[in-house]
């Protein structure tokens, strides 16, 4: 695995993604949005529900391997493998940070 030095809120996100929806939600601002699989989840309760549903449905691992900054976004490329259709896949995670937390995240292929 390539070692990346990720900004703290992003490193915390990938660590929390291994645990549970409560830990993951703590990485976000109260009004944050997550866009994933064509759906938008806004606010901490919706983000918790999104993570909980994904965890019930799939088991997966993520391995971030590249980071770039563009137009105020931190774009992380990550290898994702698990029991979901199309696995494994390299996904882009587009993070916008605000006051040490994630204010928006968009996940795409």
PDB file of N, CA and C in Angstrom:
ATOM      1  N   UNK A   1       0.835  -1.176   0.000  1.00  0.00           N
ATOM      2  CA  UNK A   1       0.000   0.000   0.000  1.00  0.00           C
ATOM      3  C   UNK A   1       0.882   1.242   0.000  1.00  0.00           C
ATOM      4  N   UNK A   2       0.515   2.218  -0.811  1.00  0.00           N
ATOM      5  CA  UNK A   2       1.232   3.471  -0.873  1.00  0.00           C
ATOM      6  C   UNK A   2       0.917   4.275   0.377  1.00  0.00           C
ATOM      7  N   UNK A   3       1.974   4.859   0.980  1.00  0.00           N
ATOM      8  CA  UNK A   3       1.748   5.682   2.164  1.00  0.00           C
ATOM      9  C   UNK A   3       1.439   7.105   1.734  1.00  0.00           C
ATOM     10  N   UNK A   4       0.305   7.610   2.152  1.00  0.00           N
ATOM     11  CA  UNK A   4      -0.093   8.979   1.864  1.00  0.00           C
ATOM     12  C   UNK A   4      -0.200   9.745   3.168  1.00  0.00           C
ATOM     13  N   UNK A   5       0.131  11.005   3.124  1.00  0.00           N
ATOM     14  CA  UNK A   5      -0.129  11.870   4.249  1.00  0.00           C
ATOM     15  C   UNK A   5      -1.398  12.638   3.923  1.00  0.00           C
ATOM     16  N   UNK A   6      -2.485  12.186   4.487  1.00  0.00           N
ATOM     17  CA  UNK A   6      -3.788  12.781   4.237  1.00  0.00           C
ATOM     18  C   UNK A   6      -4.068  13.871   5.271  1.00  0.00           C
ATOM     19  N   UNK A   7      -4.801  14.921   4.891  1.00  0.00           N
ATOM     20  CA  UNK A   7      -5.240  15.891   5.898  1.00  0.00           C
ATOM     21  C   UNK A   7      -5.997  15.169   7.011  1.00  0.00           C
ATOM     22  N   UNK A   8      -5.869  15.645   8.232  1.00  0.00           N
ATOM     23  CA  UNK A   8      -6.425  14.955   9.395  1.00  0.00           C
ATOM     24  C   UNK A   8      -7.905  14.576   9.245  1.00  0.00           C
ATOM     25  N   UNK A   9      -8.792  15.478   8.796  1.00  0.00           N
ATOM     26  CA  UNK A   9     -10.204  15.068   8.687  1.00  0.00           C
ATOM     27  C   UNK A   9     -10.408  13.909   7.697  1.00  0.00           C
ATOM     28  N   UNK A  10      -9.594  13.867   6.659  1.00  0.00           N
ATOM     29  CA  UNK A  10      -9.721  12.802   5.656  1.00  0.00           C
ATOM     30  C   UNK A  10      -9.147  11.495   6.195  1.00  0.00           C
ATOM     31  N   UNK A  11      -8.013  11.576   6.868  1.00  0.00           N
ATOM     32  CA  UNK A  11      -7.454  10.376   7.506  1.00  0.00           C
ATOM     33  C   UNK A  11      -8.436   9.820   8.527  1.00  0.00           C
ATOM     34  N   UNK A  12      -9.079  10.724   9.290  1.00  0.00           N
ATOM     35  CA  UNK A  12     -10.062  10.292  10.292  1.00  0.00           C
ATOM     36  C   UNK A  12     -11.253   9.610   9.613  1.00  0.00           C
ATOM     37  N   UNK A  13     -11.670  10.125   8.450  1.00  0.00           N
ATOM     38  CA  UNK A  13     -12.781   9.519   7.709  1.00  0.00           C
ATOM     39  C   UNK A  13     -12.456   8.072   7.331  1.00  0.00           C
ATOM     40  N   UNK A  14     -11.294   7.852   6.735  1.00  0.00           N
ATOM     41  CA  UNK A  14     -10.955   6.492   6.299  1.00  0.00           C
ATOM     42  C   UNK A  14     -10.780   5.550   7.491  1.00  0.00           C
ATOM     43  N   UNK A  15     -10.303   6.059   8.635  1.00  0.00           N
ATOM     44  CA  UNK A  15     -10.211   5.238   9.846  1.00  0.00           C
ATOM     45  C   UNK A  15     -11.607   4.912  10.362  1.00  0.00           C
ATOM     46  N   UNK A  16     -12.477   5.913  10.428  1.00  0.00           N
ATOM     47  CA  UNK A  16     -13.837   5.719  10.937  1.00  0.00           C
ATOM     48  C   UNK A  16     -14.654   4.807  10.031  1.00  0.00           C
ATOM     49  N   UNK A  17     -14.361   4.833   8.726  1.00  0.00           N
ATOM     50  CA  UNK A  17     -15.086   3.983   7.779  1.00  0.00           C
ATOM     51  C   UNK A  17     -14.899   2.502   8.110  1.00  0.00           C
ATOM     52  N   UNK A  18     -13.836   2.173   8.802  1.00  0.00           N
ATOM     53  CA  UNK A  18     -13.571   0.786   9.212  1.00  0.00           C
ATOM     54  C   UNK A  18     -14.374   0.411  10.454  1.00  0.00           C
ATOM     55  N   UNK A  19     -14.942   1.410  11.139  1.00  0.00           N
ATOM     56  CA  UNK A  19     -15.605   1.148  12.411  1.00  0.00           C
ATOM     57  C   UNK A  19     -17.121   1.168  12.286  1.00  0.00           C
ATOM     58  N   UNK A  20     -17.735   2.335  12.459  1.00  0.00           N
ATOM     59  CA  UNK A  20     -19.196   2.369  12.483  1.00  0.00           C
ATOM     60  C   UNK A  20     -19.726   3.733  12.060  1.00  0.00           C
ATOM     61  N   UNK A  21     -21.036   3.825  11.947  1.00  0.00           N
ATOM     62  CA  UNK A  21     -21.665   5.044  11.447  1.00  0.00           C
ATOM     63  C   UNK A  21     -21.504   6.225  12.409  1.00  0.00           C
ATOM     64  N   UNK A  22     -21.485   5.976  13.703  1.00  0.00           N
ATOM     65  CA  UNK A  22     -21.301   7.056  14.683  1.00  0.00           C
ATOM     66  C   UNK A  22     -19.925   7.688  14.523  1.00  0.00           C
ATOM     67  N   UNK A  23     -18.893   6.850  14.445  1.00  0.00           N
ATOM     68  CA  UNK A  23     -17.526   7.352  14.279  1.00  0.00           C
ATOM     69  C   UNK A  23     -17.394   8.117  12.969  1.00  0.00           C
ATOM     70  N   UNK A  24     -17.989   7.604  11.913  1.00  0.00           N
ATOM     71  CA  UNK A  24     -17.901   8.246  10.616  1.00  0.00           C
ATOM     72  C   UNK A  24     -18.594   9.612  10.641  1.00  0.00           C
ATOM     73  N   UNK A  25     -19.767   9.689  11.231  1.00  0.00           N
ATOM     74  CA  UNK A  25     -20.515  10.947  11.259  1.00  0.00           C
ATOM     75  C   UNK A  25     -19.760  12.044  12.004  1.00  0.00           C
ATOM     76  N   UNK A  26     -18.947  11.679  12.992  1.00  0.00           N
ATOM     77  CA  UNK A  26     -18.175  12.673  13.740  1.00  0.00           C
ATOM     78  C   UNK A  26     -17.133  13.378  12.870  1.00  0.00           C
ATOM     79  N   UNK A  27     -16.871  12.874  11.687  1.00  0.00           N
ATOM     80  CA  UNK A  27     -15.902  13.487  10.772  1.00  0.00           C
ATOM     81  C   UNK A  27     -16.508  14.648   9.980  1.00  0.00           C
ATOM     82  N   UNK A  28     -17.817  14.842  10.058  1.00  0.00           N
ATOM     83  CA  UNK A  28     -18.538  15.791   9.213  1.00  0.00           C
ATOM     84  C   UNK A  28     -19.085  16.981  10.000  1.00  0.00           C
ATOM     85  N   UNK A  29     -19.280  18.101   9.293  1.00  0.00           N
ATOM     86  CA  UNK A  29     -19.976  19.247   9.865  1.00  0.00           C
ATOM     87  C   UNK A  29     -21.467  18.895   9.992  1.00  0.00           C
ATOM     88  N   UNK A  30     -22.213  19.605  10.844  1.00  0.00           N
ATOM     89  CA  UNK A  30     -23.634  19.275  11.019  1.00  0.00           C
ATOM     90  C   UNK A  30     -24.466  19.348   9.733  1.00  0.00           C
ATOM     91  N   UNK A  31     -24.135  20.240   8.816  1.00  0.00           N
ATOM     92  CA  UNK A  31     -24.914  20.387   7.587  1.00  0.00           C
ATOM     93  C   UNK A  31     -24.255  19.696   6.389  1.00  0.00           C
ATOM     94  N   UNK A  32     -23.312  18.828   6.612  1.00  0.00           N
ATOM     95  CA  UNK A  32     -22.545  18.202   5.532  1.00  0.00           C
ATOM     96  C   UNK A  32     -23.434  17.405   4.575  1.00  0.00           C
ATOM     97  N   UNK A  33     -22.910  17.227   3.363  1.00  0.00           N
ATOM     98  CA  UNK A  33     -23.587  16.374   2.383  1.00  0.00           C
ATOM     99  C   UNK A  33     -22.624  15.298   1.899  1.00  0.00           C
ATOM    100  N   UNK A  34     -23.194  14.143   1.603  1.00  0.00           N
ATOM    101  CA  UNK A  34     -22.466  13.040   0.979  1.00  0.00           C
ATOM    102  C   UNK A  34     -23.249  12.656  -0.267  1.00  0.00           C
ATOM    103  N   UNK A  35     -22.544  12.593  -1.406  1.00  0.00           N
ATOM    104  CA  UNK A  35     -23.146  12.108  -2.646  1.00  0.00           C
ATOM    105  C   UNK A  35     -22.466  10.796  -2.992  1.00  0.00           C
ATOM    106  N   UNK A  36     -23.267   9.753  -3.123  1.00  0.00           N
ATOM    107  CA  UNK A  36     -22.746   8.416  -3.407  1.00  0.00           C
ATOM    108  C   UNK A  36     -23.825   7.622  -4.133  1.00  0.00           C
ATOM    109  N   UNK A  37     -23.425   6.918  -5.172  1.00  0.00           N
ATOM    110  CA  UNK A  37     -24.334   6.068  -5.944  1.00  0.00           C
ATOM    111  C   UNK A  37     -25.597   6.815  -6.383  1.00  0.00           C
ATOM    112  N   UNK A  38     -25.425   8.073  -6.825  1.00  0.00           N
ATOM    113  CA  UNK A  38     -26.544   8.838  -7.351  1.00  0.00           C
ATOM    114  C   UNK A  38     -27.491   9.417  -6.311  1.00  0.00           C
ATOM    115  N   UNK A  39     -27.169   9.295  -5.049  1.00  0.00           N
ATOM    116  CA  UNK A  39     -28.038   9.809  -3.987  1.00  0.00           C
ATOM    117  C   UNK A  39     -27.269  10.823  -3.143  1.00  0.00           C
ATOM    118  N   UNK A  40     -27.996  11.802  -2.624  1.00  0.00           N
ATOM    119  CA  UNK A  40     -27.414  12.811  -1.744  1.00  0.00           C
ATOM    120  C   UNK A  40     -27.956  12.610  -0.337  1.00  0.00           C
ATOM    121  N   UNK A  41     -27.053  12.618   0.632  1.00  0.00           N
ATOM    122  CA  UNK A  41     -27.398  12.445   2.049  1.00  0.00           C
ATOM    123  C   UNK A  41     -26.937  13.712   2.762  1.00  0.00           C
ATOM    124  N   UNK A  42     -27.872  14.446   3.368  1.00  0.00           N
ATOM    125  CA  UNK A  42     -27.521  15.718   3.991  1.00  0.00           C
ATOM    126  C   UNK A  42     -27.824  15.700   5.475  1.00  0.00           C
ATOM    127  N   UNK A  43     -26.847  16.143   6.254  1.00  0.00           N
ATOM    128  CA  UNK A  43     -26.980  16.195   7.706  1.00  0.00           C
ATOM    129  C   UNK A  43     -26.443  14.927   8.352  1.00  0.00           C
ATOM    130  N   UNK A  44     -26.128  15.043   9.621  1.00  0.00           N
ATOM    131  CA  UNK A  44     -25.478  13.930  10.321  1.00  0.00           C
ATOM    132  C   UNK A  44     -26.349  12.684  10.421  1.00  0.00           C
ATOM    133  N   UNK A  45     -27.639  12.841  10.655  1.00  0.00           N
ATOM    134  CA  UNK A  45     -28.510  11.663  10.752  1.00  0.00           C
ATOM    135  C   UNK A  45     -28.552  10.911   9.420  1.00  0.00           C
ATOM    136  N   UNK A  46     -28.642  11.643   8.317  1.00  0.00           N
ATOM    137  CA  UNK A  46     -28.672  11.007   6.995  1.00  0.00           C
ATOM    138  C   UNK A  46     -27.340  10.334   6.681  1.00  0.00           C
ATOM    139  N   UNK A  47     -26.235  10.957   7.101  1.00  0.00           N
ATOM    140  CA  UNK A  47     -24.913  10.369   6.861  1.00  0.00           C
ATOM    141  C   UNK A  47     -24.747   9.093   7.688  1.00  0.00           C
ATOM    142  N   UNK A  48     -25.205   9.118   8.936  1.00  0.00           N
ATOM    143  CA  UNK A  48     -25.160   7.900   9.766  1.00  0.00           C
ATOM    144  C   UNK A  48     -25.972   6.781   9.114  1.00  0.00           C
ATOM    145  N   UNK A  49     -27.164   7.116   8.637  1.00  0.00           N
ATOM    146  CA  UNK A  49     -28.032   6.112   8.006  1.00  0.00           C
ATOM    147  C   UNK A  49     -27.383   5.560   6.736  1.00  0.00           C
ATOM    148  N   UNK A  50     -26.755   6.417   5.938  1.00  0.00           N
ATOM    149  CA  UNK A  50     -26.050   5.989   4.718  1.00  0.00           C
ATOM    150  C   UNK A  50     -24.947   4.988   5.060  1.00  0.00           C
ATOM    151  N   UNK A  51     -24.121   5.324   6.044  1.00  0.00           N
ATOM    152  CA  UNK A  51     -23.009   4.436   6.433  1.00  0.00           C
ATOM    153  C   UNK A  51     -23.551   3.129   7.015  1.00  0.00           C
ATOM    154  N   UNK A  52     -24.562   3.210   7.850  1.00  0.00           N
ATOM    155  CA  UNK A  52     -25.131   1.999   8.467  1.00  0.00           C
ATOM    156  C   UNK A  52     -25.696   1.070   7.398  1.00  0.00           C
ATOM    157  N   UNK A  53     -26.402   1.625   6.422  1.00  0.00           N
ATOM    158  CA  UNK A  53     -26.976   0.802   5.345  1.00  0.00           C
ATOM    159  C   UNK A  53     -25.880   0.149   4.509  1.00  0.00           C
ATOM    160  N   UNK A  54     -24.835   0.914   4.191  1.00  0.00           N
ATOM    161  CA  UNK A  54     -23.726   0.353   3.402  1.00  0.00           C
ATOM    162  C   UNK A  54     -23.041  -0.775   4.176  1.00  0.00           C
ATOM    163  N   UNK A  55     -22.873  -0.593   5.473  1.00  0.00           N
ATOM    164  CA  UNK A  55     -22.210  -1.611   6.295  1.00  0.00           C
ATOM    165  C   UNK A  55     -23.045  -2.874   6.429  1.00  0.00           C
ATOM    166  N   UNK A  56     -24.381  -2.730   6.458  1.00  0.00           N
ATOM    167  CA  UNK A  56     -25.250  -3.911   6.523  1.00  0.00           C
ATOM    168  C   UNK A  56     -25.211  -4.688   5.204  1.00  0.00           C
ATOM    169  N   UNK A  57     -25.117  -3.954   4.103  1.00  0.00           N
ATOM    170  CA  UNK A  57     -25.213  -4.580   2.787  1.00  0.00           C
ATOM    171  C   UNK A  57     -23.874  -5.134   2.285  1.00  0.00           C
ATOM    172  N   UNK A  58     -22.772  -4.445   2.587  1.00  0.00           N
ATOM    173  CA  UNK A  58     -21.476  -4.810   2.003  1.00  0.00           C
ATOM    174  C   UNK A  58     -20.376  -4.858   3.047  1.00  0.00           C
ATOM    175  N   UNK A  59     -19.407  -5.710   2.755  1.00  0.00           N
ATOM    176  CA  UNK A  59     -18.148  -5.725   3.486  1.00  0.00           C
ATOM    177  C   UNK A  59     -17.089  -5.297   2.488  1.00  0.00           C
ATOM    178  N   UNK A  60     -16.250  -4.324   2.870  1.00  0.00           N
ATOM    179  CA  UNK A  60     -15.268  -3.810   1.914  1.00  0.00           C
ATOM    180  C   UNK A  60     -14.060  -3.231   2.640  1.00  0.00           C
ATOM    181  N   UNK A  61     -12.995  -3.069   1.901  1.00  0.00           N
ATOM    182  CA  UNK A  61     -11.800  -2.394   2.381  1.00  0.00           C
ATOM    183  C   UNK A  61     -11.473  -1.259   1.419  1.00  0.00           C
ATOM    184  N   UNK A  62     -10.849  -0.219   1.939  1.00  0.00           N
ATOM    185  CA  UNK A  62     -10.410   0.897   1.111  1.00  0.00           C
ATOM    186  C   UNK A  62      -8.930   1.121   1.330  1.00  0.00           C
ATOM    187  N   UNK A  63      -8.223   1.380   0.231  1.00  0.00           N
ATOM    188  CA  UNK A  63      -6.790   1.668   0.303  1.00  0.00           C
ATOM    189  C   UNK A  63      -6.504   2.924  -0.510  1.00  0.00           C
ATOM    190  N   UNK A  64      -6.481   4.103   0.145  1.00  0.00           N
ATOM    191  CA  UNK A  64      -6.151   5.333  -0.574  1.00  0.00           C
ATOM    192  C   UNK A  64      -4.736   5.243  -1.164  1.00  0.00           C
ATOM    193  N   UNK A  65      -4.598   5.678  -2.440  1.00  0.00           N
ATOM    194  CA  UNK A  65      -3.283   5.590  -3.071  1.00  0.00           C
ATOM    195  C   UNK A  65      -2.838   6.877  -3.755  1.00  0.00           C
ATOM    196  N   UNK A  66      -3.693   7.887  -3.848  1.00  0.00           N
ATOM    197  CA  UNK A  66      -3.280   9.150  -4.470  1.00  0.00           C
ATOM    198  C   UNK A  66      -4.111  10.290  -3.890  1.00  0.00           C
ATOM    199  N   UNK A  67      -3.489  11.468  -3.846  1.00  0.00           N
ATOM    200  CA  UNK A  67      -4.148  12.658  -3.334  1.00  0.00           C
ATOM    201  C   UNK A  67      -3.760  13.841  -4.195  1.00  0.00           C
ATOM    202  N   UNK A  68      -4.753  14.638  -4.573  1.00  0.00           N
ATOM    203  CA  UNK A  68      -4.479  15.895  -5.262  1.00  0.00           C
ATOM    204  C   UNK A  68      -5.465  16.945  -4.770  1.00  0.00           C
ATOM    205  N   UNK A  69      -5.110  18.213  -4.971  1.00  0.00           N
ATOM    206  CA  UNK A  69      -6.001  19.311  -4.621  1.00  0.00           C
ATOM    207  C   UNK A  69      -6.396  20.035  -5.884  1.00  0.00           C
ATOM    208  N   UNK A  70      -7.685  20.383  -5.968  1.00  0.00           N
ATOM    209  CA  UNK A  70      -8.202  21.048  -7.158  1.00  0.00           C
ATOM    210  C   UNK A  70      -9.437  21.847  -6.784  1.00  0.00           C
ATOM    211  N   UNK A  71      -9.430  23.142  -7.094  1.00  0.00           N
ATOM    212  CA  UNK A  71     -10.593  24.011  -6.844  1.00  0.00           C
ATOM    213  C   UNK A  71     -11.127  23.905  -5.417  1.00  0.00           C
ATOM    214  N   UNK A  72     -10.237  23.879  -4.444  1.00  0.00           N
ATOM    215  CA  UNK A  72     -10.646  23.815  -3.045  1.00  0.00           C
ATOM    216  C   UNK A  72     -11.038  22.441  -2.544  1.00  0.00           C
ATOM    217  N   UNK A  73     -10.925  21.431  -3.412  1.00  0.00           N
ATOM    218  CA  UNK A  73     -11.253  20.053  -3.023  1.00  0.00           C
ATOM    219  C   UNK A  73      -9.984  19.238  -2.818  1.00  0.00           C
ATOM    220  N   UNK A  74     -10.068  18.279  -1.924  1.00  0.00           N
ATOM    221  CA  UNK A  74      -9.033  17.263  -1.765  1.00  0.00           C
ATOM    222  C   UNK A  74      -9.590  16.015  -2.428  1.00  0.00           C
ATOM    223  N   UNK A  75      -8.929  15.545  -3.473  1.00  0.00           N
ATOM    224  CA  UNK A  75      -9.416  14.390  -4.232  1.00  0.00           C
ATOM    225  C   UNK A  75      -8.523  13.203  -3.913  1.00  0.00           C
ATOM    226  N   UNK A  76      -9.110  12.192  -3.309  1.00  0.00           N
ATOM    227  CA  UNK A  76      -8.387  10.982  -2.926  1.00  0.00           C
ATOM    228  C   UNK A  76      -8.836   9.851  -3.835  1.00  0.00           C
ATOM    229  N   UNK A  77      -7.879   9.173  -4.459  1.00  0.00           N
ATOM    230  CA  UNK A  77      -8.172   7.956  -5.218  1.00  0.00           C
ATOM    231  C   UNK A  77      -7.913   6.783  -4.289  1.00  0.00           C
ATOM    232  N   UNK A  78      -8.842   5.852  -4.259  1.00  0.00           N
ATOM    233  CA  UNK A  78      -8.743   4.727  -3.339  1.00  0.00           C
ATOM    234  C   UNK A  78      -9.184   3.444  -4.030  1.00  0.00           C
ATOM    235  N   UNK A  79      -8.443   2.390  -3.752  1.00  0.00           N
ATOM    236  CA  UNK A  79      -8.794   1.060  -4.248  1.00  0.00           C
ATOM    237  C   UNK A  79      -9.792   0.461  -3.254  1.00  0.00           C
ATOM    238  N   UNK A  80     -10.969   0.086  -3.744  1.00  0.00           N
ATOM    239  CA  UNK A  80     -12.035  -0.441  -2.883  1.00  0.00           C
ATOM    240  C   UNK A  80     -12.364  -1.852  -3.351  1.00  0.00           C
ATOM    241  N   UNK A  81     -12.303  -2.792  -2.419  1.00  0.00           N
ATOM    242  CA  UNK A  81     -12.588  -4.189  -2.747  1.00  0.00           C
ATOM    243  C   UNK A  81     -13.536  -4.756  -1.700  1.00  0.00           C
ATOM    244  N   UNK A  82     -14.487  -5.574  -2.169  1.00  0.00           N
ATOM    245  CA  UNK A  82     -15.431  -6.167  -1.231  1.00  0.00           C
ATOM    246  C   UNK A  82     -16.448  -7.029  -1.946  1.00  0.00           C
ATOM    247  N   UNK A  83     -17.573  -7.237  -1.296  1.00  0.00           N
ATOM    248  CA  UNK A  83     -18.614  -8.118  -1.839  1.00  0.00           C
ATOM    249  C   UNK A  83     -19.730  -7.320  -2.511  1.00  0.00           C
ATOM    250  N   UNK A  84     -19.362  -6.296  -3.262  1.00  0.00           N
ATOM    251  CA  UNK A  84     -20.339  -5.484  -3.974  1.00  0.00           C
ATOM    252  C   UNK A  84     -20.146  -5.659  -5.482  1.00  0.00           C
ATOM    253  N   UNK A  85     -21.172  -5.411  -6.282  1.00  0.00           N
ATOM    254  CA  UNK A  85     -21.054  -5.560  -7.743  1.00  0.00           C
ATOM    255  C   UNK A  85     -19.949  -4.657  -8.302  1.00  0.00           C
ATOM    256  N   UNK A  86     -19.118  -5.210  -9.171  1.00  0.00           N
ATOM    257  CA  UNK A  86     -18.044  -4.449  -9.794  1.00  0.00           C
ATOM    258  C   UNK A  86     -16.751  -4.417  -9.011  1.00  0.00           C
ATOM    259  N   UNK A  87     -16.700  -5.103  -7.874  1.00  0.00           N
ATOM    260  CA  UNK A  87     -15.486  -5.125  -7.051  1.00  0.00           C
ATOM    261  C   UNK A  87     -14.391  -5.929  -7.743  1.00  0.00           C
ATOM    262  N   UNK A  88     -13.148  -5.507  -7.607  1.00  0.00           N
ATOM    263  CA  UNK A  88     -12.662  -4.268  -7.004  1.00  0.00           C
ATOM    264  C   UNK A  88     -12.780  -3.105  -7.978  1.00  0.00           C
ATOM    265  N   UNK A  89     -12.708  -1.886  -7.400  1.00  0.00           N
ATOM    266  CA  UNK A  89     -12.826  -0.676  -8.209  1.00  0.00           C
ATOM    267  C   UNK A  89     -11.985   0.430  -7.575  1.00  0.00           C
ATOM    268  N   UNK A  90     -11.483   1.324  -8.403  1.00  0.00           N
ATOM    269  CA  UNK A  90     -10.800   2.514  -7.903  1.00  0.00           C
ATOM    270  C   UNK A  90     -11.809   3.656  -7.923  1.00  0.00           C
ATOM    271  N   UNK A  91     -12.037   4.263  -6.768  1.00  0.00           N
ATOM    272  CA  UNK A  91     -13.009   5.339  -6.635  1.00  0.00           C
ATOM    273  C   UNK A  91     -12.315   6.648  -6.301  1.00  0.00           C
ATOM    274  N   UNK A  92     -12.961   7.751  -6.684  1.00  0.00           N
ATOM    275  CA  UNK A  92     -12.502   9.080  -6.301  1.00  0.00           C
ATOM    276  C   UNK A  92     -13.407   9.600  -5.188  1.00  0.00           C
ATOM    277  N   UNK A  93     -12.779  10.093  -4.144  1.00  0.00           N
ATOM    278  CA  UNK A  93     -13.466  10.708  -3.019  1.00  0.00           C
ATOM    279  C   UNK A  93     -13.115  12.193  -3.067  1.00  0.00           C
ATOM    280  N   UNK A  94     -14.099  13.040  -3.304  1.00  0.00           N
ATOM    281  CA  UNK A  94     -13.882  14.486  -3.383  1.00  0.00           C
ATOM    282  C   UNK A  94     -14.361  15.120  -2.078  1.00  0.00           C
ATOM    283  N   UNK A  95     -13.396  15.531  -1.271  1.00  0.00           N
ATOM    284  CA  UNK A  95     -13.682  16.111   0.040  1.00  0.00           C
ATOM    285  C   UNK A  95     -13.572  17.632  -0.004  1.00  0.00           C
ATOM    286  N   UNK A  96     -14.515  18.316   0.610  1.00  0.00           N
ATOM    287  CA  UNK A  96     -14.381  19.742   0.898  1.00  0.00           C
ATOM    288  C   UNK A  96     -14.316  19.852   2.422  1.00  0.00           C
ATOM    289  N   UNK A  97     -13.291  20.530   2.908  1.00  0.00           N
ATOM    290  CA  UNK A  97     -13.066  20.645   4.348  1.00  0.00           C
ATOM    291  C   UNK A  97     -13.455  22.034   4.839  1.00  0.00           C
ATOM    292  N   UNK A  98     -13.919  22.061   6.092  1.00  0.00           N
ATOM    293  CA  UNK A  98     -14.336  23.321   6.714  1.00  0.00           C
ATOM    294  C   UNK A  98     -14.102  23.221   8.217  1.00  0.00           C
ATOM    295  N   UNK A  99     -13.263  24.086   8.751  1.00  0.00           N
ATOM    296  CA  UNK A  99     -12.968  24.134  10.188  1.00  0.00           C
ATOM    297  C   UNK A  99     -12.608  22.767  10.773  1.00  0.00           C
ATOM    298  N   UNK A 100     -11.765  22.026  10.074  1.00  0.00           N
ATOM    299  CA  UNK A 100     -11.280  20.759  10.596  1.00  0.00           C
ATOM    300  C   UNK A 100     -12.221  19.580  10.443  1.00  0.00           C
ATOM    301  N   UNK A 101     -13.311  19.767   9.688  1.00  0.00           N
ATOM    302  CA  UNK A 101     -14.265  18.686   9.443  1.00  0.00           C
ATOM    303  C   UNK A 101     -14.583  18.627   7.955  1.00  0.00           C
ATOM    304  N   UNK A 102     -15.283  17.592   7.551  1.00  0.00           N
ATOM    305  CA  UNK A 102     -15.691  17.429   6.155  1.00  0.00           C
ATOM    306  C   UNK A 102     -17.052  18.104   5.986  1.00  0.00           C
ATOM    307  N   UNK A 103     -17.127  19.046   5.024  1.00  0.00           N
ATOM    308  CA  UNK A 103     -18.413  19.706   4.763  1.00  0.00           C
ATOM    309  C   UNK A 103     -19.132  19.074   3.582  1.00  0.00           C
ATOM    310  N   UNK A 104     -18.364  18.433   2.693  1.00  0.00           N
ATOM    311  CA  UNK A 104     -19.010  17.672   1.614  1.00  0.00           C
ATOM    312  C   UNK A 104     -18.075  16.577   1.133  1.00  0.00           C
ATOM    313  N   UNK A 105     -18.690  15.514   0.663  1.00  0.00           N
ATOM    314  CA  UNK A 105     -17.979  14.359   0.102  1.00  0.00           C
ATOM    315  C   UNK A 105     -18.785  13.853  -1.068  1.00  0.00           C
ATOM    316  N   UNK A 106     -18.092  13.667  -2.191  1.00  0.00           N
ATOM    317  CA  UNK A 106     -18.717  13.039  -3.354  1.00  0.00           C
ATOM    318  C   UNK A 106     -17.844  11.856  -3.751  1.00  0.00           C
ATOM    319  N   UNK A 107     -18.464  10.690  -3.873  1.00  0.00           N
ATOM    320  CA  UNK A 107     -17.757   9.454  -4.224  1.00  0.00           C
ATOM    321  C   UNK A 107     -18.199   9.038  -5.623  1.00  0.00           C
ATOM    322  N   UNK A 108     -17.213   8.799  -6.493  1.00  0.00           N
ATOM    323  CA  UNK A 108     -17.544   8.398  -7.874  1.00  0.00           C
ATOM    324  C   UNK A 108     -16.454   7.483  -8.423  1.00  0.00           C
ATOM    325  N   UNK A 109     -16.808   6.796  -9.498  1.00  0.00           N
ATOM    326  CA  UNK A 109     -15.857   5.902 -10.166  1.00  0.00           C
ATOM    327  C   UNK A 109     -14.939   6.714 -11.066  1.00  0.00           C
TER     328      UNK A 109
END
